[in-house]
C-alpha atoms as a PDB file:
ATOM      1  CA  MET A   1       0.000   0.000   0.000  1.00  0.00           C
ATOM      2  CA  LYS A   2       2.834   2.383   0.866  1.00  0.00           C
ATOM      3  CA  HIS A   3       4.423   1.612  -2.524  1.00  0.00           C
ATOM      4  CA  LEU A   4       1.188   2.561  -4.317  1.00  0.00           C
ATOM      5  CA  HIS A   5       1.001   5.863  -2.429  1.00  0.00           C
ATOM      6  CA  ASN A   6       4.621   6.608  -3.345  1.00  0.00           C
ATOM      7  CA  GLN A   7       3.843   5.951  -7.020  1.00  0.00           C
ATOM      8  CA  LYS A   8       0.817   8.278  -6.927  1.00  0.00           C
ATOM      9  CA  PHE A   9       2.874  10.978  -5.230  1.00  0.00           C
ATOM     10  CA  ARG A  10       5.651  10.612  -7.836  1.00  0.00           C
ATOM     11  CA  ASN A  11       3.162  10.821 -10.735  1.00  0.00           C
ATOM     12  CA  LEU A  12       1.534  13.881  -9.154  1.00  0.00           C
ATOM     13  CA  LEU A  13       4.919  15.600  -8.833  1.00  0.00           C
ATOM     14  CA  LEU A  14       5.645  14.898 -12.492  1.00  0.00           C
ATOM     15  CA  SER A  15       2.321  16.446 -13.463  1.00  0.00           C
ATOM     16  CA  ILE A  16       2.616  19.635 -11.344  1.00  0.00           C
ATOM     17  CA  PRO A  17       5.125  21.454 -13.631  1.00  0.00           C
ATOM     18  CA  VAL A  18       2.480  21.454 -16.356  1.00  0.00           C
ATOM     19  CA  LEU A  19       0.146  23.394 -14.059  1.00  0.00           C
ATOM     20  CA  VAL A  20       2.894  25.859 -13.200  1.00  0.00           C
ATOM     21  CA  PHE A  21       3.730  26.404 -16.863  1.00  0.00           C
ATOM     22  CA  ARG A  22       0.097  26.684 -17.988  1.00  0.00           C
ATOM     23  CA  SER A  23      -2.414  27.396 -15.238  1.00  0.00           C
ATOM     24  CA  ASP A  24      -5.604  27.675 -17.353  1.00  0.00           C
ATOM     25  CA  ILE A  25      -8.177  24.932 -17.906  1.00  0.00           C
ATOM     26  CA  ALA A  26      -6.107  23.412 -20.713  1.00  0.00           C
ATOM     27  CA  GLY A  27      -3.148  23.083 -18.336  1.00  0.00           C
ATOM     28  CA  VAL A  28      -5.343  21.402 -15.732  1.00  0.00           C
ATOM     29  CA  LEU A  29      -6.666  18.935 -18.292  1.00  0.00           C
ATOM     30  CA  PHE A  30      -3.192  18.279 -19.655  1.00  0.00           C
ATOM     31  CA  ALA A  31      -1.803  17.669 -16.153  1.00  0.00           C
ATOM     32  CA  SER A  32      -4.705  15.321 -15.411  1.00  0.00           C
ATOM     33  CA  THR A  33      -4.060  13.445 -18.639  1.00  0.00           C
ATOM     34  CA  LEU A  34      -0.348  13.179 -17.853  1.00  0.00           C
ATOM     35  CA  PHE A  35      -1.106  11.875 -14.361  1.00  0.00           C
ATOM     36  CA  CYS A  36      -3.504   9.223 -15.746  1.00  0.00           C
ATOM     37  CA  ALA A  37      -0.989   8.161 -18.386  1.00  0.00           C
ATOM     38  CA  LEU A  38       1.750   7.757 -15.766  1.00  0.00           C
ATOM     39  CA  HIS A  39      -0.509   6.096 -13.229  1.00  0.00           C
ATOM     40  CA  PHE A  40      -2.175   3.585 -15.553  1.00  0.00           C
ATOM     41  CA  GLY A  41       0.206   3.352 -18.531  1.00  0.00           C
ATOM     42  CA  ILE A  42       3.378   2.342 -16.648  1.00  0.00           C
ATOM     43  CA  PRO A  43       1.693  -0.496 -14.675  1.00  0.00           C
ATOM     44  CA  LEU A  44       0.195  -1.700 -17.950  1.00  0.00           C
ATOM     45  CA  LEU A  45       3.655  -1.914 -19.506  1.00  0.00           C
ATOM     46  CA  LYS A  46       4.919  -3.834 -16.487  1.00  0.00           C
ATOM     47  CA  ALA A  47       1.958  -6.214 -16.731  1.00  0.00           C
ATOM     48  CA  LEU A  48       2.819  -6.923 -20.365  1.00  0.00           C
ATOM     49  CA  GLU A  49       6.305  -7.982 -19.261  1.00  0.00           C
ATOM     50  CA  HIS A  50       4.958 -10.171 -16.449  1.00  0.00           C
ATOM     51  CA  VAL A  51       6.361 -13.700 -16.331  1.00  0.00           C
ATOM     52  CA  SER A  52       4.393 -16.581 -14.852  1.00  0.00           C
ATOM     53  CA  PRO A  53       5.770 -17.689 -11.450  1.00  0.00           C
ATOM     54  CA  GLU A  54       5.965 -21.263 -12.804  1.00  0.00           C
ATOM     55  CA  ASP A  55       8.419 -20.230 -15.522  1.00  0.00           C
ATOM     56  CA  LEU A  56      12.152 -19.815 -15.164  1.00  0.00           C
ATOM     57  CA  SER A  57      13.853 -17.094 -17.132  1.00  0.00           C
ATOM     58  CA  ASP A  58      16.513 -18.057 -19.663  1.00  0.00           C
ATOM     59  CA  ASP A  59      19.112 -16.465 -17.387  1.00  0.00           C
ATOM     60  CA  GLU A  60      18.058 -18.740 -14.512  1.00  0.00           C
ATOM     61  CA  VAL A  61      18.216 -21.788 -16.781  1.00  0.00           C
ATOM     62  CA  CYS A  62      21.713 -20.735 -17.878  1.00  0.00           C
ATOM     63  CA  GLU A  63      22.703 -20.283 -14.239  1.00  0.00           C
ATOM     64  CA  PHE A  64      21.511 -23.803 -13.415  1.00  0.00           C
ATOM     65  CA  ILE A  65      23.451 -25.350 -16.316  1.00  0.00           C
ATOM     66  CA  GLU A  66      26.594 -23.340 -15.571  1.00  0.00           C
ATOM     67  CA  LEU A  67      26.569 -24.373 -11.909  1.00  0.00           C
ATOM     68  CA  PHE A  68      25.921 -28.003 -12.807  1.00  0.00           C
ATOM     69  CA  LEU A  69      28.806 -27.931 -15.266  1.00  0.00           C
ATOM     70  CA  LEU A  70      31.015 -26.347 -12.605  1.00  0.00           C
ATOM     71  CA  GLY A  71      30.250 -29.102 -10.124  1.00  0.00           C
ATOM     72  CA  THR A  72      30.602 -31.857 -12.709  1.00  0.00           C
ATOM     73  CA  ASN A  73      33.970 -30.580 -13.907  1.00  0.00           C
ATOM     74  CA  ALA A  74      35.103 -30.380 -10.274  1.00  0.00           C
ATOM     75  CA  GLY A  75      34.430 -34.099  -9.879  1.00  0.00           C
ATOM     76  CA  LEU A  76      31.320 -33.829  -7.693  1.00  0.00           C
ATOM     77  CA  THR A  77      28.534 -36.384  -7.873  1.00  0.00           C
ATOM     78  CA  LYS A  78      25.174 -35.283  -9.250  1.00  0.00           C
ATOM     79  CA  LEU A  79      23.649 -34.951  -5.768  1.00  0.00           C
ATOM     80  CA  GLU A  80      26.650 -32.977  -4.560  1.00  0.00           C
ATOM     81  CA  THR A  81      26.351 -30.774  -7.637  1.00  0.00           C
ATOM     82  CA  LEU A  82      22.661 -30.211  -6.915  1.00  0.00           C
ATOM     83  CA  ASN A  83      23.626 -29.159  -3.386  1.00  0.00           C
ATOM     84  CA  LEU A  84      26.002 -26.650  -4.959  1.00  0.00           C
ATOM     85  CA  VAL A  85      23.184 -25.342  -7.164  1.00  0.00           C
ATOM     86  CA  ALA A  86      20.844 -25.038  -4.162  1.00  0.00           C
ATOM     87  CA  GLU A  87      23.436 -23.105  -2.160  1.00  0.00           C
ATOM     88  CA  THR A  88      24.628 -20.683  -4.838  1.00  0.00           C
ATOM     89  CA  SER A  89      21.800 -20.114  -7.332  1.00  0.00           C
ATOM     90  CA  SER A  90      19.168 -17.375  -7.197  1.00  0.00           C
ATOM     91  CA  GLY A  91      15.437 -17.055  -7.824  1.00  0.00           C
ATOM     92  CA  PRO A  92      13.146 -20.061  -7.273  1.00  0.00           C
ATOM     93  CA  LEU A  93      15.903 -22.604  -8.019  1.00  0.00           C
ATOM     94  CA  PRO A  94      17.309 -23.059  -4.461  1.00  0.00           C
ATOM     95  CA  ASP A  95      13.934 -24.086  -3.003  1.00  0.00           C
ATOM     96  CA  GLU A  96      13.141 -26.357  -5.943  1.00  0.00           C
ATOM     97  CA  ILE A  97      16.536 -28.084  -5.906  1.00  0.00           C
ATOM     98  CA  ALA A  98      16.239 -28.486  -2.125  1.00  0.00           C
ATOM     99  CA  GLU A  99      12.977 -30.366  -2.743  1.00  0.00           C
ATOM    100  CA  VAL A 100      14.730 -32.578  -5.307  1.00  0.00           C
ATOM    101  CA  ILE A 101      17.431 -33.430  -2.776  1.00  0.00           C
ATOM    102  CA  ALA A 102      14.850 -34.049  -0.027  1.00  0.00           C
ATOM    103  CA  ARG A 103      12.960 -36.499  -2.242  1.00  0.00           C
ATOM    104  CA  CYS A 104      16.212 -38.324  -3.002  1.00  0.00           C
ATOM    105  CA  ASN A 105      16.961 -38.546   0.735  1.00  0.00           C
ATOM    106  CA  LEU A 106      13.558 -40.195   1.202  1.00  0.00           C
ATOM    107  CA  GLY A 107      14.521 -42.953  -1.226  1.00  0.00           C
ATOM    108  CA  ILE A 108      13.131 -41.590  -4.510  1.00  0.00           C
ATOM    109  CA  SER A 109      15.530 -41.969  -7.415  1.00  0.00           C
ATOM    110  CA  LEU A 110      17.274 -38.892  -8.789  1.00  0.00           C
ATOM    111  CA  VAL A 111      15.688 -39.387 -12.221  1.00  0.00           C
ATOM    112  CA  THR A 112      12.154 -39.533 -10.758  1.00  0.00           C
ATOM    113  CA  SER A 113      12.785 -36.589  -8.455  1.00  0.00           C
ATOM    114  CA  LEU A 114      14.144 -34.458 -11.292  1.00  0.00           C
ATOM    115  CA  GLY A 115      11.122 -35.478 -13.384  1.00  0.00           C
ATOM    116  CA  TYR A 116       8.822 -33.567 -11.014  1.00  0.00           C
ATOM    117  CA  THR A 117      10.950 -30.460 -11.498  1.00  0.00           C
ATOM    118  CA  ALA A 118      10.876 -30.874 -15.291  1.00  0.00           C
ATOM    119  CA  LYS A 119       7.067 -30.938 -15.199  1.00  0.00           C
ATOM    120  CA  LYS A 120       6.969 -27.842 -13.008  1.00  0.00           C
ATOM    121  CA  TYR A 121       9.502 -25.884 -15.064  1.00  0.00           C
ATOM    122  CA  PRO A 122       9.226 -27.006 -18.715  1.00  0.00           C
ATOM    123  CA  ASN A 123      12.024 -24.726 -19.934  1.00  0.00           C
ATOM    124  CA  LEU A 124      14.407 -26.625 -17.624  1.00  0.00           C
ATOM    125  CA  GLY A 125      13.259 -29.930 -19.118  1.00  0.00           C
ATOM    126  CA  GLN A 126      15.994 -30.423 -21.706  1.00  0.00           C
ATOM    127  CA  ALA A 127      18.795 -29.929 -19.198  1.00  0.00           C
ATOM    128  CA  ILE A 128      17.078 -32.306 -16.764  1.00  0.00           C
ATOM    129  CA  ARG A 129      16.624 -34.931 -19.481  1.00  0.00           C
ATOM    130  CA  THR A 130      20.329 -34.702 -20.236  1.00  0.00           C
ATOM    131  CA  ILE A 131      21.186 -35.187 -16.551  1.00  0.00           C
ATOM    132  CA  SER A 132      18.710 -38.064 -16.214  1.00  0.00           C
ATOM    133  CA  ARG A 133      20.050 -39.816 -19.313  1.00  0.00           C
ATOM    134  CA  SER A 134      23.560 -39.570 -17.925  1.00  0.00           C
ATOM    135  CA  GLU A 135      22.372 -40.924 -14.578  1.00  0.00           C
ATOM    136  CA  LEU A 136      20.726 -43.937 -16.257  1.00  0.00           C
ATOM    137  CA  THR A 137      23.445 -44.771 -18.771  1.00  0.00           C
ATOM    138  CA  GLY A 138      26.565 -43.459 -17.084  1.00  0.00           C
ATOM    139  CA  GLY A 139      27.426 -41.549 -20.253  1.00  0.00           C
ATOM    140  CA  PRO A 140      29.300 -38.232 -20.372  1.00  0.00           C
ATOM    141  CA  ILE A 141      27.303 -35.124 -19.603  1.00  0.00           C
ATOM    142  CA  THR A 142      29.635 -32.175 -20.134  1.00  0.00           C
ATOM    143  CA  GLU A 143      29.356 -31.785 -23.912  1.00  0.00           C
ATOM    144  CA  ALA A 144      25.570 -32.133 -23.934  1.00  0.00           C
ATOM    145  CA  LEU A 145      25.157 -29.543 -21.172  1.00  0.00           C
ATOM    146  CA  GLU A 146      27.576 -27.151 -22.866  1.00  0.00           C
ATOM    147  CA  LEU A 147      25.522 -27.413 -26.068  1.00  0.00           C
ATOM    148  CA  GLU A 148      22.308 -26.810 -24.104  1.00  0.00           C
ATOM    149  CA  LEU A 149      23.921 -23.791 -22.425  1.00  0.00           C
ATOM    150  CA  THR A 150      24.936 -22.332 -25.795  1.00  0.00           C
ATOM    151  CA  LEU A 151      21.432 -22.805 -27.209  1.00  0.00           C
ATOM    152  CA  THR A 152      19.787 -21.255 -24.133  1.00  0.00           C
ATOM    153  CA  GLN A 153      22.128 -18.253 -24.214  1.00  0.00           C
ATOM    154  CA  ALA A 154      21.334 -17.718 -27.901  1.00  0.00           C
ATOM    155  CA  LYS A 155      17.610 -17.936 -27.167  1.00  0.00           C
ATOM    156  CA  SER A 156      17.998 -15.443 -24.318  1.00  0.00           C
ATOM    157  CA  ALA A 157      19.808 -12.995 -26.622  1.00  0.00           C
ATOM    158  CA  ASN A 158      17.126 -13.361 -29.308  1.00  0.00           C
ATOM    159  CA  ASP A 159      14.338 -12.816 -26.762  1.00  0.00           C
ATOM    160  CA  ALA A 160      16.057  -9.691 -25.449  1.00  0.00           C
ATOM    161  CA  LEU A 161      16.360  -8.330 -28.994  1.00  0.00           C
ATOM    162  CA  ARG A 162      12.696  -9.099 -29.666  1.00  0.00           C
ATOM    163  CA  ARG A 163      11.620  -7.284 -26.479  1.00  0.00           C
ATOM    164  CA  VAL A 164      13.656  -4.220 -27.474  1.00  0.00           C
ATOM    165  CA  ARG A 165      12.062  -4.189 -30.917  1.00  0.00           C
ATOM    166  CA  SER A 166       8.554  -4.542 -29.472  1.00  0.00           C
ATOM    167  CA  LEU A 167       9.090  -1.779 -26.895  1.00  0.00           C
ATOM    168  CA  SER A 168       8.080   0.955 -29.348  1.00  0.00           C
ATOM    169  CA  VAL A 169       4.756  -0.797 -29.967  1.00  0.00           C
ATOM    170  CA  LYS A 170       4.090  -1.195 -26.239  1.00  0.00           C
ATOM    171  CA  CYS A 171       4.818   2.497 -25.655  1.00  0.00           C
ATOM    172  CA  VAL A 172       2.110   3.611 -28.093  1.00  0.00           C
ATOM    173  CA  LEU A 173      -0.736   3.384 -25.561  1.00  0.00           C
ATOM    174  CA  PRO A 174       0.786   5.488 -22.730  1.00  0.00           C
ATOM    175  CA  LEU A 175       2.219   7.968 -25.225  1.00  0.00           C
ATOM    176  CA  GLY A 176      -1.161   8.246 -26.892  1.00  0.00           C
ATOM    177  CA  LEU A 177      -2.909   8.763 -23.547  1.00  0.00           C
ATOM    178  CA  CYS A 178      -0.383  11.445 -22.654  1.00  0.00           C
ATOM    179  CA  PHE A 179       0.064  13.449 -25.862  1.00  0.00           C
ATOM    180  CA  LEU A 180      -3.018  13.078 -28.053  1.00  0.00           C
ATOM    181  CA  PRO A 181      -5.477  14.668 -25.582  1.00  0.00           C
ATOM    182  CA  ALA A 182      -2.946  17.413 -24.870  1.00  0.00           C
ATOM    183  CA  PHE A 183      -2.445  18.026 -28.600  1.00  0.00           C
ATOM    184  CA  PHE A 184      -6.202  18.246 -29.057  1.00  0.00           C
ATOM    185  CA  LEU A 185      -6.650  20.645 -26.112  1.00  0.00           C
ATOM    186  CA  LEU A 186      -3.703  22.904 -26.919  1.00  0.00           C
ATOM    187  CA  THR A 187      -4.130  23.113 -30.708  1.00  0.00           C
ATOM    188  CA  ILE A 188      -7.547  22.086 -32.001  1.00  0.00           C
ATOM    189  CA  VAL A 189      -9.645  23.610 -29.211  1.00  0.00           C
ATOM    190  CA  PRO A 190      -8.030  27.105 -29.387  1.00  0.00           C
ATOM    191  CA  ILE A 191      -8.397  27.153 -33.190  1.00  0.00           C
ATOM    192  CA  VAL A 192     -12.049  26.182 -33.008  1.00  0.00           C
ATOM    193  CA  ALA A 193     -12.646  28.696 -30.196  1.00  0.00           C
ATOM    194  CA  SER A 194     -11.046  31.507 -32.228  1.00  0.00           C
ATOM    195  CA  MET A 195     -13.223  30.649 -35.216  1.00  0.00           C
ATOM    196  CA  LEU A 196     -16.512  30.582 -33.323  1.00  0.00           C
ATOM    197  CA  PRO A 197     -16.972  34.413 -33.132  1.00  0.00           C
ATOM    198  CA  LYS A 198     -16.454  34.703 -36.901  1.00  0.00           C
ATOM    199  CA  ILE A 199     -18.904  31.889 -37.538  1.00  0.00           C
ATOM    200  CA  PHE A 200     -21.530  33.484 -35.294  1.00  0.00           C
ATOM    201  CA  SER A 201     -20.973  36.942 -36.816  1.00  0.00           C
ATOM    202  CA  THR A 202     -21.731  35.639 -40.300  1.00  0.00           C
ATOM    203  CA  MET A 203     -24.942  33.971 -39.211  1.00  0.00           C
ATOM    204  CA  PRO A 204     -28.146  35.942 -39.998  1.00  0.00           C
END
């Protein structure tokens, strides 16, 4: 609640200079429009960028793979590597990996325990399948994880580029709310108002 009040106060402060610069009715309307654009437009933009709590970002997936590679290259077992991930990673990963380890301590196999995590976080599924396949077959894991890390990093870079390109489209609504009413009030209305006396004077 305090955060919402701080946002309203900030938006009001940003709108006040308009009133100081132009204190007539047009200035009041313009300041009101600016306040509404800031108050409703910015949260709308943030909502468009909202990520579901059941999704991991590409950066978090990369962090998981990098830490797992670090532990594997250091000669740790898979459970020891998962402990490393739980202790050093960020976001929702530590709690989730702690649950994986807890299930393994209760007698559930590592492959089955990781399967629950893959269902919960689908974008972590490929890395988990690679780990599970290595656990079942005893095959090497480093090259497959390095390839998965490279692909995830490339996907993250492409997604970032796509978000930058789409930013101009997402800014149209708040910019429109802010500037179009002000343009109408400060240009069209004065022109029409100046023409009204001439129109009335020509009427019989």
